[in-house]
Amino acid sequence: LTVRGPRIVDQIAQAEANPRALAARAMASILYGKDHPYGLPSDGLGTAEAVKAMTPDSLRGAHEHWFRADGMKITVVGDATMAQLLPLLNQSFGNWGIKASAYPFVSIDRPVPAPQPRIVLIDRPNSPQSVIMGGRVLPLKGTDQDKEALDLANEVLGNGFLSRLNMDLREDKGWSYGVRSSVSSPIGARALTVTAPVQADRTGDSIKLIMAQMAAFPGKKPVDPVELARVTDGNVRGLPNRFQTNAQVLGAVVAGQRLGRPDDYIATLASRYRKIDAKAIDAMAGEFLHPQGLVFVVVGDRKLVEPQLKGLGLPVEIASPVDSGGASGK
């Protein structure tokens, strides 16, 4: 503890000095609330206050509470059979007794805060670039099945170099080095996020453009044939690259187990992608990728950025890095 504690505190300080990491840490608690398991900083470092409060006894208690045989699942990928593996696993873990008490459980079904569309501005004086992160919790869980069309719709919107957001902000406007949208896949409530590092003097314009692109999909701008072919055929052709190594296969197997996917999920992915048409992609975009309810975290120079945010129709809150789940001023 005397070594790791200060080291983790230093890592937290480094994260909060990085605009993108700072925005991500803030977004977790804003979207899910500080009392939700998903509301903890997404980098897994926790808070400096919590780390400083740890003691050897508290760490031993946490280890005793959580690290138990009945909470472990072992997944192995490689050139080995169960007959070879089982004796080795029993040798290493066979004496790890099962406790009489029930395994501890943390509910991920806790309610999340109602959407409060706004802009949370974290001041980073003299920064030539702003990091914009927009987010919203979706009415979906990662365990909900047959949502591949949502993943493809997200590729059209912002997940990829040729996506609409990246082509607009980076290639056309030249305001950003790269924009990305993502839809998380935890067991519980999924979240949509859009991340864009942009030149500081275009912060407000970039938020306006992001919302406009999202609002246009699919109403004014449904998926076109080129986009449809790119995300469907492209994913089918790219499947072999996703499972080349043992680590890639292991990750897919573990994700499938975590999300309750059928055992033949990977084998059926190509046929699933081929069945997705433009209508399915447009439906997912209209239902889940719209800008309504988005909250934006902006890390940038307040003096330059704040005046740009006043015409966007969203309340603006000023937060410090340590209080970014709520406002410290307006």
Protein backbone atom coordinates (compact mmCIF):
# COMPACT_ATOMS: atom_id res chain seq x y z
CA LEU A 1 0.00 0.00 0.00
CA THR A 2 2.83 2.41 0.80
CA VAL A 3 4.05 1.94 -2.79
CA ARG A 4 0.85 1.44 -4.78
CA GLY A 5 -1.25 4.12 -3.10
CA PRO A 6 0.88 7.12 -4.12
CA ARG A 7 1.43 5.55 -7.53
CA ILE A 8 -2.32 5.33 -8.18
CA VAL A 9 -2.84 8.87 -6.91
CA ASP A 10 -0.17 9.98 -9.39
CA GLN A 11 -1.97 8.06 -12.16
CA ILE A 12 -5.23 9.83 -11.28
CA ALA A 13 -3.44 13.18 -11.42
CA GLN A 14 -2.04 12.27 -14.83
CA ALA A 15 -5.50 11.26 -16.05
CA GLU A 16 -7.01 14.52 -14.89
CA ALA A 17 -4.24 16.40 -16.70
CA ASN A 18 -5.27 14.69 -19.96
CA PRO A 19 -8.33 16.42 -21.47
CA ARG A 20 -9.78 13.30 -23.09
CA ALA A 21 -9.30 11.18 -19.96
CA LEU A 22 -10.72 13.96 -17.80
CA ALA A 23 -13.84 14.20 -19.96
CA ALA A 24 -14.35 10.43 -19.81
CA ARG A 25 -13.96 10.38 -16.02
CA ALA A 26 -16.53 13.14 -15.71
CA MET A 27 -18.99 11.59 -18.17
CA ALA A 28 -19.36 8.33 -16.25
CA SER A 29 -20.81 9.93 -13.13
CA ILE A 30 -22.87 12.43 -15.11
CA LEU A 31 -24.60 9.71 -17.14
CA TYR A 32 -25.08 7.04 -14.50
CA GLY A 33 -24.89 8.94 -11.21
CA LYS A 34 -22.25 8.59 -8.54
CA ASP A 35 -24.16 5.82 -6.74
CA HIS A 36 -24.36 3.54 -9.79
CA PRO A 37 -21.57 0.99 -10.40
CA TYR A 38 -21.12 2.41 -13.91
CA GLY A 39 -20.81 5.90 -12.45
CA LEU A 40 -17.29 5.23 -11.22
CA PRO A 41 -14.45 6.71 -13.32
CA SER A 42 -14.27 4.61 -16.45
CA ASP A 43 -10.49 4.20 -16.25
CA GLY A 44 -10.84 2.10 -13.10
CA LEU A 45 -8.52 4.31 -11.05
CA GLY A 46 -11.17 5.56 -8.65
CA THR A 47 -10.76 8.90 -6.92
CA ALA A 48 -7.75 10.29 -5.13
CA GLU A 49 -9.79 10.68 -1.95
CA ALA A 50 -10.84 7.02 -1.96
CA VAL A 51 -7.30 5.80 -2.62
CA LYS A 52 -5.83 7.96 0.13
CA ALA A 53 -8.40 6.58 2.58
CA MET A 54 -7.35 2.96 1.99
CA THR A 55 -5.54 1.03 4.71
CA PRO A 56 -3.94 -2.44 4.73
CA ASP A 57 -6.94 -3.69 6.70
CA SER A 58 -9.44 -2.26 4.22
CA LEU A 59 -7.59 -3.87 1.32
CA ARG A 60 -7.46 -7.23 3.08
CA GLY A 61 -11.18 -6.95 3.77
CA ALA A 62 -11.95 -6.14 0.14
CA HIS A 63 -9.83 -9.06 -1.05
CA GLU A 64 -11.56 -11.43 1.35
CA HIS A 65 -14.97 -10.14 0.32
CA TRP A 66 -14.61 -10.25 -3.47
CA PHE A 67 -11.83 -12.67 -4.45
CA ARG A 68 -13.62 -15.99 -4.07
CA ALA A 69 -13.68 -19.28 -5.91
CA ASP A 70 -17.43 -19.11 -6.48
CA GLY A 71 -17.00 -15.81 -8.33
CA MET A 72 -14.40 -17.09 -10.78
CA LYS A 73 -14.83 -18.42 -14.30
CA ILE A 74 -11.80 -19.69 -16.24
CA THR A 75 -11.80 -19.46 -20.03
CA VAL A 76 -8.92 -20.93 -22.02
CA VAL A 77 -8.16 -20.60 -25.73
CA GLY A 78 -5.24 -22.48 -27.25
CA ASP A 79 -3.81 -25.80 -28.34
CA ALA A 80 -4.98 -27.73 -25.26
CA THR A 81 -7.71 -30.17 -24.36
CA MET A 82 -9.88 -30.27 -21.26
CA ALA A 83 -8.13 -33.51 -20.26
CA GLN A 84 -4.83 -31.63 -20.25
CA LEU A 85 -6.13 -28.47 -18.61
CA LEU A 86 -8.29 -29.80 -15.81
CA PRO A 87 -5.49 -31.38 -13.74
CA LEU A 88 -3.43 -28.20 -14.02
CA LEU A 89 -6.35 -26.01 -13.01
CA ASN A 90 -7.21 -28.27 -10.10
CA GLN A 91 -3.58 -28.18 -8.99
CA SER A 92 -3.62 -24.38 -8.92
CA PHE A 93 -7.15 -23.69 -7.75
CA GLY A 94 -8.59 -26.94 -6.42
CA ASN A 95 -7.89 -26.09 -2.77
CA TRP A 96 -9.62 -22.73 -3.00
CA GLY A 97 -12.61 -23.52 -0.83
CA ILE A 98 -16.15 -22.30 -1.39
CA LYS A 99 -17.47 -20.06 1.38
CA ALA A 100 -20.77 -20.74 3.09
CA SER A 101 -22.02 -17.18 2.57
CA ALA A 102 -23.62 -16.13 -0.69
CA TYR A 103 -21.38 -14.46 -3.21
CA PRO A 104 -21.62 -10.65 -2.89
CA PHE A 105 -23.72 -8.95 -5.52
CA VAL A 106 -23.78 -5.38 -6.78
CA SER A 107 -26.92 -4.45 -8.66
CA ILE A 108 -26.39 -2.84 -12.05
CA ASP A 109 -30.12 -2.27 -12.42
CA ARG A 110 -30.11 0.79 -10.20
CA PRO A 111 -31.95 3.71 -11.75
CA VAL A 112 -29.86 6.24 -13.65
CA PRO A 113 -30.50 9.99 -13.47
CA ALA A 114 -33.15 11.40 -15.77
CA PRO A 115 -31.54 13.02 -18.83
CA GLN A 116 -30.57 16.63 -18.21
CA PRO A 117 -29.40 18.02 -21.55
CA ARG A 118 -26.69 20.57 -20.83
CA ILE A 119 -23.05 21.42 -21.33
CA VAL A 120 -20.63 20.83 -18.46
CA LEU A 121 -17.56 22.97 -19.06
CA ILE A 122 -14.30 22.08 -17.30
CA ASP A 123 -11.85 24.94 -17.52
CA ARG A 124 -8.39 24.18 -18.91
CA PRO A 125 -6.78 27.61 -19.28
CA ASN A 126 -4.78 28.41 -22.41
CA SER A 127 -5.67 25.13 -24.10
CA PRO A 128 -5.50 25.50 -27.91
CA GLN A 129 -7.84 22.52 -28.27
CA SER A 130 -11.11 21.52 -26.66
CA VAL A 131 -12.24 17.97 -26.03
CA ILE A 132 -15.97 17.51 -26.57
CA MET A 133 -17.71 14.42 -25.25
CA GLY A 134 -21.45 14.01 -25.68
CA GLY A 135 -23.34 11.17 -24.05
CA ARG A 136 -26.69 9.62 -23.22
CA VAL A 137 -27.76 6.39 -21.51
CA LEU A 138 -29.79 4.27 -23.92
CA PRO A 139 -32.92 2.29 -23.05
CA LEU A 140 -30.97 -0.88 -23.87
CA LYS A 141 -28.85 -3.41 -22.06
CA GLY A 142 -25.78 -5.14 -23.40
CA THR A 143 -27.57 -8.44 -22.95
CA ASP A 144 -30.32 -7.39 -25.38
CA GLN A 145 -29.83 -9.56 -28.43
CA ASP A 146 -30.00 -8.93 -32.19
CA LYS A 147 -28.78 -5.35 -32.10
CA GLU A 148 -26.08 -5.67 -34.75
CA ALA A 149 -27.97 -3.12 -36.86
CA LEU A 150 -27.34 -0.55 -34.13
CA ASP A 151 -23.60 -1.21 -34.32
CA LEU A 152 -23.71 -0.72 -38.09
CA ALA A 153 -25.76 2.47 -37.75
CA ASN A 154 -23.13 3.74 -35.34
CA GLU A 155 -20.43 2.99 -37.92
CA VAL A 156 -22.30 5.13 -40.42
CA LEU A 157 -22.60 7.96 -37.89
CA GLY A 158 -19.21 8.12 -36.22
CA ASN A 159 -17.36 4.85 -35.69
CA GLY A 160 -14.77 4.84 -38.43
CA PHE A 161 -12.67 7.12 -40.59
CA LEU A 162 -15.31 7.27 -43.33
CA SER A 163 -18.16 7.96 -40.90
CA ARG A 164 -20.29 11.05 -41.31
CA LEU A 165 -19.04 12.87 -38.23
CA ASN A 166 -15.37 12.26 -38.97
CA MET A 167 -15.67 13.17 -42.63
CA ASP A 168 -17.49 16.39 -41.75
CA LEU A 169 -15.43 17.69 -38.82
CA ARG A 170 -12.05 16.38 -39.95
CA GLU A 171 -12.01 16.06 -43.72
CA ASP A 172 -14.44 18.81 -44.74
CA LYS A 173 -14.12 21.42 -41.96
CA GLY A 174 -10.63 20.62 -40.73
CA TRP A 175 -11.60 21.37 -37.13
CA SER A 176 -10.54 18.03 -35.65
CA TYR A 177 -7.98 15.27 -36.03
CA GLY A 178 -10.69 12.68 -35.55
CA VAL A 179 -14.23 12.19 -34.25
CA ARG A 180 -15.64 8.93 -32.90
CA SER A 181 -19.01 7.76 -31.67
CA SER A 182 -19.41 4.55 -29.69
CA VAL A 183 -22.14 2.46 -28.09
CA SER A 184 -20.90 0.64 -25.01
CA SER A 185 -21.67 -3.03 -24.39
CA PRO A 186 -21.78 -3.67 -20.65
CA ILE A 187 -24.16 -6.17 -19.11
CA GLY A 188 -26.43 -3.36 -17.97
CA ALA A 189 -27.51 -0.08 -19.52
CA ARG A 190 -25.64 0.85 -22.68
CA ALA A 191 -24.47 4.39 -23.38
CA LEU A 192 -23.93 6.38 -26.55
CA THR A 193 -20.92 8.70 -26.55
CA VAL A 194 -19.44 11.01 -29.16
CA THR A 195 -15.88 12.24 -28.65
CA ALA A 196 -14.29 15.04 -30.64
CA PRO A 197 -11.05 16.90 -29.92
CA VAL A 198 -11.45 20.17 -31.83
CA GLN A 199 -9.65 23.46 -32.24
CA ALA A 200 -10.72 25.71 -29.41
CA ASP A 201 -12.21 28.49 -31.52
CA ARG A 202 -14.58 25.99 -33.17
CA THR A 203 -15.91 24.32 -30.02
CA GLY A 204 -19.42 25.73 -30.27
CA ASP A 205 -19.61 25.18 -34.03
CA SER A 206 -18.50 21.57 -33.58
CA ILE A 207 -21.21 20.80 -31.01
CA LYS A 208 -23.78 22.37 -33.31
CA LEU A 209 -22.57 20.29 -36.24
CA ILE A 210 -22.54 17.05 -34.22
CA MET A 211 -26.15 17.57 -33.16
CA ALA A 212 -27.17 18.48 -36.71
CA GLN A 213 -25.60 15.36 -38.20
CA MET A 214 -27.27 13.16 -35.59
CA ALA A 215 -30.65 14.84 -36.11
CA ALA A 216 -30.42 14.33 -39.89
CA PHE A 217 -29.92 10.56 -39.55
CA PRO A 218 -32.16 9.09 -40.88
CA GLY A 219 -34.86 11.74 -41.46
CA LYS A 220 -33.11 14.08 -43.89
CA LYS A 221 -30.22 11.79 -44.63
CA PRO A 222 -30.97 8.06 -44.54
CA VAL A 223 -28.18 5.57 -45.05
CA ASP A 224 -27.15 5.52 -48.70
CA PRO A 225 -26.13 2.48 -50.79
CA VAL A 226 -22.40 3.22 -50.48
CA GLU A 227 -22.60 3.45 -46.69
CA LEU A 228 -24.74 0.33 -46.49
CA ALA A 229 -22.26 -1.70 -48.54
CA ARG A 230 -19.32 -0.34 -46.56
CA VAL A 231 -20.66 -1.32 -43.14
CA THR A 232 -22.27 -4.64 -44.09
CA ASP A 233 -19.86 -6.10 -46.65
CA GLY A 234 -16.95 -4.45 -44.87
CA ASN A 235 -17.75 -6.19 -41.62
CA VAL A 236 -18.22 -9.54 -43.33
CA ARG A 237 -14.85 -9.24 -45.10
CA GLY A 238 -13.21 -8.06 -41.90
CA LEU A 239 -14.34 -10.99 -39.75
CA PRO A 240 -11.17 -13.09 -40.28
CA ASN A 241 -9.02 -10.21 -39.03
CA ARG A 242 -11.03 -10.05 -35.81
CA PHE A 243 -10.17 -13.63 -34.80
CA GLN A 244 -6.58 -14.15 -35.88
CA THR A 245 -4.97 -14.51 -32.46
CA ASN A 246 -5.78 -16.49 -29.34
CA ALA A 247 -6.27 -13.24 -27.46
CA GLN A 248 -8.86 -12.05 -30.00
CA VAL A 249 -10.75 -15.34 -29.82
CA LEU A 250 -10.58 -15.30 -26.03
CA GLY A 251 -11.99 -11.78 -25.92
CA ALA A 252 -14.88 -12.77 -28.20
CA VAL A 253 -15.67 -15.86 -26.13
CA VAL A 254 -15.60 -13.94 -22.84
CA ALA A 255 -17.76 -11.17 -24.31
CA GLY A 256 -20.25 -13.74 -25.57
CA GLN A 257 -20.47 -15.38 -22.16
CA ARG A 258 -20.82 -12.03 -20.41
CA LEU A 259 -23.60 -10.85 -22.71
CA GLY A 260 -25.46 -14.16 -22.89
CA ARG A 261 -24.91 -14.69 -26.59
CA PRO A 262 -25.53 -18.11 -28.13
CA ASP A 263 -22.52 -20.37 -28.58
CA ASP A 264 -22.76 -20.09 -32.37
CA TYR A 265 -22.85 -16.28 -32.33
CA ILE A 266 -19.47 -15.80 -34.04
CA ALA A 267 -20.25 -18.46 -36.64
CA THR A 268 -23.49 -16.68 -37.54
CA LEU A 269 -22.15 -13.11 -37.62
CA ALA A 270 -21.61 -13.01 -41.38
CA SER A 271 -25.19 -14.09 -42.09
CA ARG A 272 -26.46 -11.61 -39.48
CA TYR A 273 -24.66 -8.73 -41.20
CA ARG A 274 -25.90 -9.79 -44.65
CA LYS A 275 -29.52 -9.71 -43.45
CA ILE A 276 -29.27 -6.10 -42.25
CA ASP A 277 -30.74 -3.69 -44.79
CA ALA A 278 -30.99 0.08 -45.02
CA LYS A 279 -34.39 0.08 -43.32
CA ALA A 280 -32.98 -1.70 -40.25
CA ILE A 281 -30.03 0.69 -39.98
CA ASP A 282 -32.24 3.75 -40.35
CA ALA A 283 -34.59 2.42 -37.68
CA MET A 284 -31.74 1.97 -35.19
CA ALA A 285 -30.37 5.43 -35.95
CA GLY A 286 -33.76 7.07 -35.50
CA GLU A 287 -34.44 5.28 -32.23
CA PHE A 288 -31.06 5.41 -30.52
CA LEU A 289 -28.60 7.79 -32.23
CA HIS A 290 -30.60 11.03 -32.13
CA PRO A 291 -29.25 14.08 -30.23
CA GLN A 292 -32.20 14.48 -27.85
CA GLY A 293 -31.16 14.14 -24.22
CA LEU A 294 -27.44 14.45 -24.84
CA VAL A 295 -25.24 15.99 -22.19
CA PHE A 296 -21.89 17.39 -23.31
CA VAL A 297 -18.69 17.59 -21.32
CA VAL A 298 -16.27 20.14 -22.73
CA VAL A 299 -12.70 20.42 -21.47
CA GLY A 300 -11.17 23.64 -22.73
CA ASP A 301 -10.23 27.25 -22.10
CA ARG A 302 -13.30 28.77 -20.45
CA LYS A 303 -12.48 32.33 -21.56
CA LEU A 304 -12.50 31.30 -25.21
CA VAL A 305 -15.06 28.52 -25.14
CA GLU A 306 -17.87 29.75 -22.89
CA PRO A 307 -19.02 32.58 -25.21
CA GLN A 308 -19.37 30.05 -28.06
CA LEU A 309 -21.77 27.89 -26.05
CA LYS A 310 -24.42 30.48 -25.36
CA GLY A 311 -26.26 30.14 -28.66
CA LEU A 312 -26.63 26.37 -28.62
CA GLY A 313 -29.85 26.23 -26.59
CA LEU A 314 -28.32 24.17 -23.78
CA PRO A 315 -27.67 25.27 -20.18
CA VAL A 316 -23.98 25.67 -19.38
CA GLU A 317 -22.49 24.56 -16.07
CA ILE A 318 -18.94 25.18 -14.93
CA ALA A 319 -17.32 22.28 -13.11
CA SER A 320 -13.91 21.62 -11.62
CA PRO A 321 -12.13 18.31 -12.37
CA VAL A 322 -12.87 16.98 -8.88
CA ASP A 323 -16.52 18.05 -9.08
CA SER A 324 -17.29 17.29 -12.69
CA GLY A 325 -20.36 15.21 -11.86
CA GLY A 326 -22.13 18.42 -10.94
CA ALA A 327 -21.75 22.12 -11.37
CA SER A 328 -19.61 24.36 -9.23
CA GLY A 329 -20.97 27.49 -10.82
CA LYS A 330 -23.01 28.84 -13.73
